[in-house]
C-alpha atoms as a PDB file:
ATOM      1  CA  MET A   1      58.812  13.597  91.917  1.00  0.00           C
ATOM      2  CA  ASN A   2      55.118  13.593  92.701  1.00  0.00           C
ATOM      3  CA  ASP A   3      53.900  10.003  93.193  1.00  0.00           C
ATOM      4  CA  ILE A   4      50.241  11.009  93.443  1.00  0.00           C
ATOM      5  CA  GLN A   5      48.505  10.136  90.221  1.00  0.00           C
ATOM      6  CA  LYS A   6      45.621  12.199  88.952  1.00  0.00           C
ATOM      7  CA  PRO A   7      42.419  10.221  88.400  1.00  0.00           C
ATOM      8  CA  LEU A   8      41.606   9.512  84.813  1.00  0.00           C
ATOM      9  CA  ASP A   9      39.019  11.855  83.377  1.00  0.00           C
ATOM     10  CA  SER A  10      35.720  10.175  82.527  1.00  0.00           C
ATOM     11  CA  THR A  11      35.146   9.756  78.840  1.00  0.00           C
ATOM     12  CA  ARG A  12      31.874  10.778  77.249  1.00  0.00           C
ATOM     13  CA  GLY A  13      30.958   7.087  76.970  1.00  0.00           C
ATOM     14  CA  GLU A  14      31.659   6.425  80.633  1.00  0.00           C
ATOM     15  CA  ALA A  15      29.581   9.436  81.656  1.00  0.00           C
ATOM     16  CA  ALA A  16      26.678   8.235  79.520  1.00  0.00           C
ATOM     17  CA  VAL A  17      26.886   4.790  81.099  1.00  0.00           C
ATOM     18  CA  GLU A  18      26.776   6.337  84.560  1.00  0.00           C
ATOM     19  CA  VAL A  19      23.717   8.434  83.668  1.00  0.00           C
ATOM     20  CA  ALA A  20      21.868   5.376  82.354  1.00  0.00           C
ATOM     21  CA  VAL A  21      22.656   3.283  85.426  1.00  0.00           C
ATOM     22  CA  ILE A  22      21.676   6.067  87.833  1.00  0.00           C
ATOM     23  CA  ALA A  23      18.385   6.537  85.974  1.00  0.00           C
ATOM     24  CA  LEU A  24      17.618   2.841  86.300  1.00  0.00           C
ATOM     25  CA  GLU A  25      18.590   2.688  89.967  1.00  0.00           C
ATOM     26  CA  ALA A  26      15.995   5.372  90.691  1.00  0.00           C
ATOM     27  CA  VAL A  27      13.121   3.219  89.400  1.00  0.00           C
ATOM     28  CA  PRO A  28      11.100   1.792  92.315  1.00  0.00           C
ATOM     29  CA  TYR A  29      10.893  -1.989  92.743  1.00  0.00           C
ATOM     30  CA  VAL A  30      12.895  -2.961  89.646  1.00  0.00           C
ATOM     31  CA  GLY A  31      15.833  -0.531  89.795  1.00  0.00           C
ATOM     32  CA  GLY A  32      18.248  -2.967  91.410  1.00  0.00           C
ATOM     33  CA  VAL A  33      17.657  -5.776  88.930  1.00  0.00           C
ATOM     34  CA  LEU A  34      17.758  -3.454  85.946  1.00  0.00           C
ATOM     35  CA  SER A  35      20.808  -1.416  86.917  1.00  0.00           C
ATOM     36  CA  SER A  36      22.999  -4.425  87.741  1.00  0.00           C
ATOM     37  CA  THR A  37      22.067  -6.223  84.517  1.00  0.00           C
ATOM     38  CA  ALA A  38      22.368  -3.032  82.461  1.00  0.00           C
ATOM     39  CA  SER A  39      25.862  -2.342  83.832  1.00  0.00           C
ATOM     40  CA  TYR A  40      27.023  -5.675  82.460  1.00  0.00           C
ATOM     41  CA  PHE A  41      25.762  -4.980  78.946  1.00  0.00           C
ATOM     42  CA  LEU A  42      26.896  -1.361  78.975  1.00  0.00           C
ATOM     43  CA  GLU A  43      30.437  -2.391  79.865  1.00  0.00           C
ATOM     44  CA  ARG A  44      30.451  -4.850  76.975  1.00  0.00           C
ATOM     45  CA  ARG A  45      28.762  -2.625  74.418  1.00  0.00           C
ATOM     46  CA  LYS A  46      29.325   1.060  75.061  1.00  0.00           C
ATOM     47  CA  ASN A  47      27.070   2.736  72.533  1.00  0.00           C
ATOM     48  CA  GLU A  48      24.725   5.671  72.591  1.00  0.00           C
ATOM     49  CA  ARG A  49      21.750   3.660  71.318  1.00  0.00           C
ATOM     50  CA  LEU A  50      21.824   1.322  74.301  1.00  0.00           C
ATOM     51  CA  ASN A  51      22.286   4.231  76.713  1.00  0.00           C
ATOM     52  CA  ARG A  52      19.287   6.008  75.201  1.00  0.00           C
ATOM     53  CA  PHE A  53      17.239   2.792  75.314  1.00  0.00           C
ATOM     54  CA  LEU A  54      17.918   2.388  79.034  1.00  0.00           C
ATOM     55  CA  ILE A  55      17.204   6.024  79.871  1.00  0.00           C
ATOM     56  CA  ASP A  56      13.925   5.879  77.930  1.00  0.00           C
ATOM     57  CA  LEU A  57      13.056   2.650  79.725  1.00  0.00           C
ATOM     58  CA  ALA A  58      13.754   4.253  83.100  1.00  0.00           C
ATOM     59  CA  GLU A  59      11.539   7.228  82.233  1.00  0.00           C
ATOM     60  CA  ASP A  60       8.690   4.963  81.130  1.00  0.00           C
ATOM     61  CA  LEU A  61       8.960   2.861  84.285  1.00  0.00           C
ATOM     62  CA  GLN A  62       8.961   5.905  86.535  1.00  0.00           C
ATOM     63  CA  SER A  63       5.785   7.190  84.883  1.00  0.00           C
ATOM     64  CA  THR A  64       4.050   3.838  85.385  1.00  0.00           C
ATOM     65  CA  GLU A  65       5.590   2.750  88.704  1.00  0.00           C
ATOM     66  CA  GLU A  66       2.235   2.308  90.438  1.00  0.00           C
ATOM     67  CA  ARG A  67       1.364  -0.427  87.926  1.00  0.00           C
ATOM     68  CA  ILE A  68       4.564  -2.484  88.243  1.00  0.00           C
ATOM     69  CA  ASN A  69       3.799  -6.077  89.183  1.00  0.00           C
ATOM     70  CA  GLN A  70       5.916  -6.381  92.320  1.00  0.00           C
ATOM     71  CA  GLU A  71       5.365 -10.135  92.637  1.00  0.00           C
ATOM     72  CA  PHE A  72       6.705 -10.715  89.128  1.00  0.00           C
ATOM     73  CA  VAL A  73       9.740  -8.530  89.855  1.00  0.00           C
ATOM     74  CA  ARG A  74      10.870 -11.049  92.483  1.00  0.00           C
ATOM     75  CA  THR A  75      10.749 -14.058  90.136  1.00  0.00           C
ATOM     76  CA  ASP A  76      13.411 -15.744  88.028  1.00  0.00           C
ATOM     77  CA  ASP A  77      11.280 -14.910  84.978  1.00  0.00           C
ATOM     78  CA  MET A  78      11.887 -11.224  85.655  1.00  0.00           C
ATOM     79  CA  GLN A  79      15.651 -11.743  85.665  1.00  0.00           C
ATOM     80  CA  ASP A  80      15.449 -13.801  82.476  1.00  0.00           C
ATOM     81  CA  LEU A  81      13.254 -11.195  80.794  1.00  0.00           C
ATOM     82  CA  THR A  82      15.647  -8.407  81.724  1.00  0.00           C
ATOM     83  CA  GLU A  83      18.662 -10.267  80.368  1.00  0.00           C
ATOM     84  CA  ASP A  84      16.810 -11.271  77.198  1.00  0.00           C
ATOM     85  CA  ILE A  85      15.527  -7.776  76.357  1.00  0.00           C
ATOM     86  CA  LEU A  86      18.781  -5.986  77.187  1.00  0.00           C
ATOM     87  CA  SER A  87      20.894  -8.460  75.235  1.00  0.00           C
ATOM     88  CA  LYS A  88      18.677  -7.950  72.182  1.00  0.00           C
ATOM     89  CA  ALA A  89      18.696  -4.173  72.609  1.00  0.00           C
ATOM     90  CA  ALA A  90      22.507  -4.227  72.767  1.00  0.00           C
ATOM     91  CA  GLU A  91      22.603  -5.851  69.319  1.00  0.00           C
ATOM     92  CA  THR A  92      19.921  -3.665  67.724  1.00  0.00           C
ATOM     93  CA  ARG A  93      20.545  -0.567  65.658  1.00  0.00           C
ATOM     94  CA  ARG A  94      17.101   0.406  64.387  1.00  0.00           C
ATOM     95  CA  GLN A  95      14.902   2.619  66.534  1.00  0.00           C
ATOM     96  CA  GLU A  96      11.685   0.831  65.538  1.00  0.00           C
ATOM     97  CA  LYS A  97      13.013  -2.404  66.995  1.00  0.00           C
ATOM     98  CA  LEU A  98      14.367  -0.736  70.134  1.00  0.00           C
ATOM     99  CA  ASP A  99      10.960   0.841  70.741  1.00  0.00           C
ATOM    100  CA  ALA A 100       9.309  -2.550  70.262  1.00  0.00           C
ATOM    101  CA  LEU A 101      11.651  -4.276  72.722  1.00  0.00           C
ATOM    102  CA  ARG A 102      11.041  -1.566  75.311  1.00  0.00           C
ATOM    103  CA  ALA A 103       7.278  -1.964  74.905  1.00  0.00           C
ATOM    104  CA  ILE A 104       7.519  -5.750  75.333  1.00  0.00           C
ATOM    105  CA  PHE A 105       9.387  -5.322  78.604  1.00  0.00           C
ATOM    106  CA  LEU A 106       6.957  -2.714  79.906  1.00  0.00           C
ATOM    107  CA  ASN A 107       3.825  -4.622  78.963  1.00  0.00           C
ATOM    108  CA  THR A 108       5.147  -7.712  80.708  1.00  0.00           C
ATOM    109  CA  ILE A 109       6.088  -6.238  84.055  1.00  0.00           C
ATOM    110  CA  LEU A 110       2.973  -4.037  84.147  1.00  0.00           C
ATOM    111  CA  SER A 111       0.651  -6.962  83.492  1.00  0.00           C
ATOM    112  CA  GLU A 112      -1.496  -8.436  86.247  1.00  0.00           C
ATOM    113  CA  HIS A 113      -0.693 -11.855  84.810  1.00  0.00           C
ATOM    114  CA  PRO A 114       2.721 -11.644  83.105  1.00  0.00           C
ATOM    115  CA  ASP A 115       3.394 -14.251  80.434  1.00  0.00           C
ATOM    116  CA  TYR A 116       7.154 -14.567  80.178  1.00  0.00           C
ATOM    117  CA  ASN A 117       7.056 -17.251  77.484  1.00  0.00           C
ATOM    118  CA  LEU A 118       4.856 -15.142  75.209  1.00  0.00           C
ATOM    119  CA  ALA A 119       6.997 -12.072  75.814  1.00  0.00           C
ATOM    120  CA  ALA A 120      10.147 -14.040  74.941  1.00  0.00           C
ATOM    121  CA  GLU A 121       8.518 -15.400  71.779  1.00  0.00           C
ATOM    122  CA  ILE A 122       7.516 -11.939  70.591  1.00  0.00           C
ATOM    123  CA  ALA A 123      10.940 -10.513  71.472  1.00  0.00           C
ATOM    124  CA  ASP A 124      12.503 -13.215  69.286  1.00  0.00           C
ATOM    125  CA  LEU A 125      10.214 -12.200  66.424  1.00  0.00           C
ATOM    126  CA  VAL A 126      11.242  -8.560  66.768  1.00  0.00           C
ATOM    127  CA  GLN A 127      14.917  -9.479  66.858  1.00  0.00           C
ATOM    128  CA  ASN A 128      14.584 -11.372  63.560  1.00  0.00           C
ATOM    129  CA  TRP A 129      12.363  -8.796  61.868  1.00  0.00           C
ATOM    130  CA  GLN A 130      13.293  -5.732  59.885  1.00  0.00           C
ATOM    131  CA  PRO A 131      11.697  -2.365  60.727  1.00  0.00           C
ATOM    132  CA  SER A 132       9.457  -2.928  57.688  1.00  0.00           C
ATOM    133  CA  HIS A 133       7.680  -5.778  59.485  1.00  0.00           C
ATOM    134  CA  ILE A 134       6.852  -3.505  62.420  1.00  0.00           C
ATOM    135  CA  ILE A 135       5.682  -0.729  60.091  1.00  0.00           C
ATOM    136  CA  LEU A 136       3.345  -3.071  58.200  1.00  0.00           C
ATOM    137  CA  LEU A 137       2.059  -4.577  61.435  1.00  0.00           C
ATOM    138  CA  LYS A 138       1.141  -1.096  62.694  1.00  0.00           C
ATOM    139  CA  ILE A 139      -0.825  -0.486  59.504  1.00  0.00           C
ATOM    140  CA  LEU A 140      -2.741  -3.733  59.928  1.00  0.00           C
ATOM    141  CA  SER A 141      -3.460  -2.936  63.572  1.00  0.00           C
ATOM    142  CA  ASP A 142      -5.238   0.316  62.643  1.00  0.00           C
ATOM    143  CA  PRO A 143      -5.637   0.773  58.870  1.00  0.00           C
ATOM    144  CA  ARG A 144      -7.854   3.846  59.108  1.00  0.00           C
ATOM    145  CA  SER A 145      -5.367   5.676  61.303  1.00  0.00           C
ATOM    146  CA  ALA A 146      -2.535   4.798  58.910  1.00  0.00           C
ATOM    147  CA  ASP A 147      -4.592   6.068  55.972  1.00  0.00           C
ATOM    148  CA  LYS A 148      -5.424   9.281  57.831  1.00  0.00           C
ATOM    149  CA  GLN A 149      -1.735   9.917  58.543  1.00  0.00           C
ATOM    150  CA  MET A 150      -1.005   9.578  54.829  1.00  0.00           C
ATOM    151  CA  GLY A 151      -3.735  12.047  53.889  1.00  0.00           C
ATOM    152  CA  ARG A 152      -6.458   9.454  53.188  1.00  0.00           C
ATOM    153  CA  VAL A 153      -4.747   8.253  50.030  1.00  0.00           C
ATOM    154  CA  VAL A 154      -6.870   5.072  50.087  1.00  0.00           C
ATOM    155  CA  GLY A 155     -10.094   6.376  51.560  1.00  0.00           C
ATOM    156  CA  GLU A 156     -13.339   4.525  50.967  1.00  0.00           C
ATOM    157  CA  GLY A 157     -12.355   3.302  47.528  1.00  0.00           C
ATOM    158  CA  GLY A 158     -14.209   4.201  44.391  1.00  0.00           C
ATOM    159  CA  GLY A 159     -12.778   1.938  41.751  1.00  0.00           C
ATOM    160  CA  ILE A 160     -14.255  -1.364  40.615  1.00  0.00           C
ATOM    161  CA  THR A 161     -11.503  -3.625  41.911  1.00  0.00           C
ATOM    162  CA  THR A 162      -8.338  -3.336  43.949  1.00  0.00           C
ATOM    163  CA  SER A 163      -5.791  -5.547  45.717  1.00  0.00           C
ATOM    164  CA  ILE A 164      -3.856  -5.502  48.955  1.00  0.00           C
ATOM    165  CA  SER A 165      -0.724  -4.693  46.969  1.00  0.00           C
ATOM    166  CA  ARG A 166      -2.369  -1.616  45.435  1.00  0.00           C
ATOM    167  CA  ILE A 167      -3.655  -0.414  48.796  1.00  0.00           C
ATOM    168  CA  LEU A 168      -0.288  -0.846  50.503  1.00  0.00           C
ATOM    169  CA  SER A 169       1.565   0.857  47.659  1.00  0.00           C
ATOM    170  CA  LYS A 170      -0.460   3.992  48.439  1.00  0.00           C
ATOM    171  CA  LEU A 171       0.264   3.761  52.156  1.00  0.00           C
ATOM    172  CA  LEU A 172       3.929   2.869  51.604  1.00  0.00           C
ATOM    173  CA  PRO A 173       4.940   4.827  48.471  1.00  0.00           C
ATOM    174  CA  GLU A 174       8.666   4.273  49.068  1.00  0.00           C
ATOM    175  CA  TRP A 175       8.288   0.488  48.980  1.00  0.00           C
ATOM    176  CA  ASP A 176       8.371  -1.462  45.734  1.00  0.00           C
ATOM    177  CA  GLU A 177       6.044  -4.408  45.077  1.00  0.00           C
ATOM    178  CA  ASP A 178       8.700  -6.947  45.974  1.00  0.00           C
ATOM    179  CA  GLN A 179       9.249  -5.438  49.428  1.00  0.00           C
ATOM    180  CA  ILE A 180       5.503  -5.319  50.045  1.00  0.00           C
ATOM    181  CA  ASP A 181       5.105  -8.953  48.972  1.00  0.00           C
ATOM    182  CA  ARG A 182       8.054 -10.246  51.025  1.00  0.00           C
ATOM    183  CA  THR A 183       7.109  -8.386  54.182  1.00  0.00           C
ATOM    184  CA  TRP A 184       3.456  -9.419  53.880  1.00  0.00           C
ATOM    185  CA  GLN A 185       4.440 -13.049  53.347  1.00  0.00           C
ATOM    186  CA  ASP A 186       6.819 -13.034  56.323  1.00  0.00           C
ATOM    187  CA  LEU A 187       4.021 -11.885  58.623  1.00  0.00           C
ATOM    188  CA  TYR A 188       1.694 -14.488  57.153  1.00  0.00           C
ATOM    189  CA  ASP A 189       4.266 -17.241  57.711  1.00  0.00           C
ATOM    190  CA  LYS A 190       4.463 -16.260  61.391  1.00  0.00           C
ATOM    191  CA  ARG A 191       0.647 -16.426  61.672  1.00  0.00           C
ATOM    192  CA  ILE A 192       0.366 -12.686  62.275  1.00  0.00           C
ATOM    193  CA  HIS A 193      -2.376 -12.267  59.676  1.00  0.00           C
ATOM    194  CA  ARG A 194      -4.557 -14.725  57.783  1.00  0.00           C
ATOM    195  CA  THR A 195      -4.264 -13.640  54.132  1.00  0.00           C
ATOM    196  CA  PRO A 196      -1.782 -15.303  51.765  1.00  0.00           C
ATOM    197  CA  GLY A 197      -0.581 -13.120  48.899  1.00  0.00           C
ATOM    198  CA  THR A 198      -1.197  -9.453  48.087  1.00  0.00           C
ATOM    199  CA  ARG A 199      -2.230  -9.421  44.431  1.00  0.00           C
ATOM    200  CA  THR A 200      -5.595 -11.173  44.428  1.00  0.00           C
ATOM    201  CA  MET A 201      -8.169  -8.798  42.958  1.00  0.00           C
ATOM    202  CA  MET A 202     -11.143  -7.875  45.147  1.00  0.00           C
ATOM    203  CA  THR A 203     -14.003  -5.420  45.263  1.00  0.00           C
ATOM    204  CA  ASP A 204     -12.709  -1.936  45.986  1.00  0.00           C
ATOM    205  CA  GLN A 205     -13.939  -1.094  49.477  1.00  0.00           C
ATOM    206  CA  GLY A 206     -11.015   1.181  50.180  1.00  0.00           C
ATOM    207  CA  ILE A 207      -9.159   1.001  53.468  1.00  0.00           C
ATOM    208  CA  ARG A 208     -11.766  -1.386  54.887  1.00  0.00           C
ATOM    209  CA  GLN A 209     -10.080  -4.174  52.941  1.00  0.00           C
ATOM    210  CA  LEU A 210      -7.188  -4.169  55.421  1.00  0.00           C
ATOM    211  CA  GLU A 211      -9.389  -4.401  58.501  1.00  0.00           C
ATOM    212  CA  GLY A 212      -9.869  -7.627  60.457  1.00  0.00           C
ATOM    213  CA  ARG A 213      -6.978  -9.498  58.894  1.00  0.00           C
ATOM    214  CA  LEU A 214      -4.905 -10.065  62.045  1.00  0.00           C
ATOM    215  CA  THR A 215      -5.008 -13.458  63.721  1.00  0.00           C
ATOM    216  CA  ASP A 216      -5.560 -13.776  67.461  1.00  0.00           C
ATOM    217  CA  PHE A 217      -1.806 -14.136  67.824  1.00  0.00           C
ATOM    218  CA  GLY A 218      -1.289 -11.068  65.649  1.00  0.00           C
ATOM    219  CA  VAL A 219      -3.521  -9.055  67.965  1.00  0.00           C
ATOM    220  CA  LYS A 220      -1.427 -10.209  70.939  1.00  0.00           C
ATOM    221  CA  VAL A 221       1.752  -9.122  69.177  1.00  0.00           C
ATOM    222  CA  VAL A 222       0.260  -5.719  68.394  1.00  0.00           C
ATOM    223  CA  ASN A 223      -0.727  -5.232  72.026  1.00  0.00           C
ATOM    224  CA  PHE A 224       2.771  -6.147  73.217  1.00  0.00           C
ATOM    225  CA  LEU A 225       4.308  -3.570  70.876  1.00  0.00           C
ATOM    226  CA  LYS A 226       2.189  -0.674  72.143  1.00  0.00           C
ATOM    227  CA  ASN A 227       4.084   1.335  74.708  1.00  0.00           C
ATOM    228  CA  PRO A 228       1.737   1.592  77.734  1.00  0.00           C
ATOM    229  CA  ALA A 229       3.600   4.645  79.029  1.00  0.00           C
ATOM    230  CA  ARG A 230       3.133   6.638  75.839  1.00  0.00           C
ATOM    231  CA  GLU A 231      -0.218   5.609  74.416  1.00  0.00           C
END
């Protein structure tokens, strides 16, 4: 009888985990912190979304390695940020939220003056939001670009009166009024923009009516959610 046991073949999941960890290990400065923390979460939650998140993160970091704040990497805040973002990514299914979490991490460690507390606050917002909140926030951050992508369905106006609800219904034709109202109100409650309600009638100035509605905090959130490696 042969007592030598054959090694177990790697499963597809195990191979994907290995690829993600190797990709992270190759990132200068932060590879060690990221790969060790990622291994923990990957062992707990073997799923393709988390693997893809980590590989995308590694690619973004490699393309921006010269901007990594090496002093921040050596702090406890860096370890806390890594654990916070990866734990949230492990529980997230929607790509819009995964992209937002990746951008928060990147913007923090690439900053000359990283603000861990602000990054953690915005990451908590993203975790509690639906993709619809991120979609609406992107519209508010650049209304003209959103209108252009939709074929200038709002344009410069032309009617006598309009409302935010009417404008957004053109930009988001698959949303009903209730979804528009709820999502708008949620962002208002978090002080992302400064306009309560969507149905107040106003002079029809087209897409310009959505401009300048973000609060200072809303602008900060928008900036955190822009991926600096892919802008």
